[in-house]
Structures are given as structure tokens and as C-alpha cells.
Amino acid sequence: MHSKSKPLNQTELAAFEATRDLAAELLQAVHEMKAGRLHVVVSPVVEARKKTGLSQSQFAALLGVSVRTLQGWEQGRKQPSGAARTLLAIASTNPEALLAVAGK
């Protein structure tokens, strides 16, 4: 496995990709999942949204952000700040309160 501190250049990336056996990697991951050694990590933002029972577009509208922003949070590419963090905490701990305030 390569270090994340230094990105590979195009030549290094091509050499690395040429040596990979994706089918074997996927099969190994399936075996690990079945054996309970590999777990899918779910974002706390996804968990908060699912507790409300809302779709991404509904939840984004409720929070006053774009669907794209919400997706960035859910995928860990972006971090919510300020009021959004507070609303997400409320959605996670008391989704009914958030839905009541929103009139849902």
C-alpha cells in the first residue's frame, strides 16, 4: 500500500494499477465482510438523515443547504460548520424535534 502523504505521479500510478487484480481484491473484501472483519462505516450525517426518514433532497432543504453540500458531508469530503452542526446533532439525538420545528 502506498503512503497517502505523497501522491503518485502518472507513471507511478500506471505502474501500480497495472499490478492490481481488482477481481481478487473485491473477492477478498467480500470474504472479509462475511467473516465480520470488514465493516462499512456510515457517516454520522447519513445516520442523522436516516433517523428523520427524509430523502437527501428533503433533508438538504430542511437544513437550508444544497443537495450537493449534503452529499459532501455524507461522503466526508466536507465538514458542516456552525448551525448546520447543531441541526445535525438535533437530527441525530431527537429527529422528532427537528421535524416538528420544520412542520413535517
Protein backbone atom coordinates (compact mmCIF):
# COMPACT_ATOMS: atom_id res chain seq x y z
CA MET A 1 0.00 0.00 0.00
CA HIS A 2 1.29 3.45 -0.86
CA SER A 3 1.63 6.32 1.57
CA LYS A 4 -1.08 8.98 1.46
CA SER A 5 1.42 11.73 2.23
CA LYS A 6 2.86 11.83 -1.28
CA PRO A 7 0.56 11.45 -4.28
CA LEU A 8 1.70 9.18 -7.08
CA ASN A 9 2.70 10.74 -10.36
CA GLN A 10 1.13 9.44 -13.58
CA THR A 11 3.90 6.90 -14.22
CA GLU A 12 3.81 5.54 -10.67
CA LEU A 13 0.01 5.37 -10.74
CA ALA A 14 0.02 3.48 -14.05
CA ALA A 15 2.60 1.02 -12.68
CA PHE A 16 0.56 0.48 -9.52
CA GLU A 17 -2.70 -0.02 -11.44
CA ALA A 18 -1.03 -2.47 -13.84
CA THR A 19 -0.17 -4.79 -10.94
CA ARG A 20 -3.64 -4.80 -9.34
CA ASP A 21 -6.05 -7.70 -9.56
CA LEU A 22 -9.36 -5.94 -8.89
CA ALA A 23 -11.40 -9.14 -9.02
CA ALA A 24 -9.21 -10.69 -6.32
CA GLU A 25 -9.40 -7.52 -4.22
CA LEU A 26 -13.20 -7.47 -4.43
CA LEU A 27 -13.47 -11.17 -3.65
CA GLN A 28 -11.18 -10.72 -0.63
CA ALA A 29 -13.31 -7.81 0.60
CA VAL A 30 -16.47 -9.93 0.31
CA HIS A 31 -14.82 -12.74 2.29
CA GLU A 32 -13.74 -10.27 4.98
CA MET A 33 -17.23 -8.77 5.19
CA LYS A 34 -18.81 -12.21 5.53
CA ALA A 35 -16.30 -13.11 8.24
CA GLY A 36 -17.13 -9.90 10.10
CA ARG A 37 -13.62 -8.50 9.75
CA LEU A 38 -14.57 -5.64 7.45
CA HIS A 39 -17.25 -3.16 8.37
CA VAL A 40 -18.88 -0.47 6.30
CA VAL A 41 -18.57 2.87 8.05
CA VAL A 42 -21.68 5.01 7.84
CA SER A 43 -21.30 8.74 8.14
CA PRO A 44 -22.90 10.37 11.19
CA VAL A 45 -24.60 12.74 8.73
CA VAL A 46 -26.20 9.79 6.91
CA GLU A 47 -27.29 8.34 10.24
CA ALA A 48 -28.84 11.66 11.29
CA ARG A 49 -30.70 11.97 7.98
CA LYS A 50 -31.96 8.39 8.13
CA LYS A 51 -33.31 8.95 11.63
CA THR A 52 -35.55 11.68 10.21
CA GLY A 53 -36.75 9.38 7.43
CA LEU A 54 -36.12 12.10 4.85
CA SER A 55 -34.52 11.82 1.43
CA GLN A 56 -31.33 13.71 0.66
CA SER A 57 -33.26 16.47 -1.12
CA GLN A 58 -35.79 16.81 1.71
CA PHE A 59 -33.10 16.83 4.40
CA ALA A 60 -30.95 19.33 2.50
CA ALA A 61 -33.95 21.65 2.11
CA LEU A 62 -34.72 21.32 5.83
CA LEU A 63 -31.13 22.28 6.71
CA GLY A 64 -31.08 25.09 4.13
CA VAL A 65 -28.20 23.64 2.09
CA SER A 66 -27.88 22.24 -1.40
CA VAL A 67 -28.10 18.50 -2.05
CA ARG A 68 -24.52 18.68 -3.27
CA THR A 69 -23.37 20.15 0.06
CA LEU A 70 -25.25 17.45 1.97
CA GLN A 71 -23.66 14.77 -0.22
CA GLY A 72 -20.24 16.25 0.52
CA TRP A 73 -20.94 15.95 4.24
CA GLU A 74 -22.28 12.43 3.89
CA GLN A 75 -19.24 11.32 1.91
CA GLY A 76 -16.79 13.00 4.28
CA ARG A 77 -15.44 15.38 1.62
CA LYS A 78 -16.72 18.41 3.53
CA GLN A 79 -17.47 19.15 7.17
CA PRO A 80 -20.57 21.01 8.32
CA SER A 81 -19.95 24.08 10.41
CA GLY A 82 -21.83 26.27 12.85
CA ALA A 83 -25.61 26.00 12.81
CA ALA A 84 -25.54 23.02 10.45
CA ARG A 85 -23.54 21.01 13.01
CA THR A 86 -26.10 21.89 15.67
CA LEU A 87 -29.04 20.91 13.45
CA LEU A 88 -27.32 17.62 12.61
CA ALA A 89 -26.80 16.92 16.31
CA ILE A 90 -30.50 17.57 16.94
CA ALA A 91 -31.46 15.34 14.00
CA SER A 92 -29.28 12.59 15.42
CA THR A 93 -30.45 12.77 19.03
CA ASN A 94 -34.03 13.97 18.60
CA PRO A 95 -35.19 13.75 14.99
CA GLU A 96 -38.81 14.33 16.00
CA ALA A 97 -37.90 17.78 17.38
CA LEU A 98 -36.25 18.80 14.12
CA LEU A 99 -39.20 17.53 12.10
CA ALA A 100 -41.66 19.31 14.41
CA VAL A 101 -39.86 22.63 14.00
CA ALA A 102 -39.84 22.11 10.25
CA GLY A 103 -43.57 21.41 10.29
CA LYS A 104 -43.22 17.90 8.87
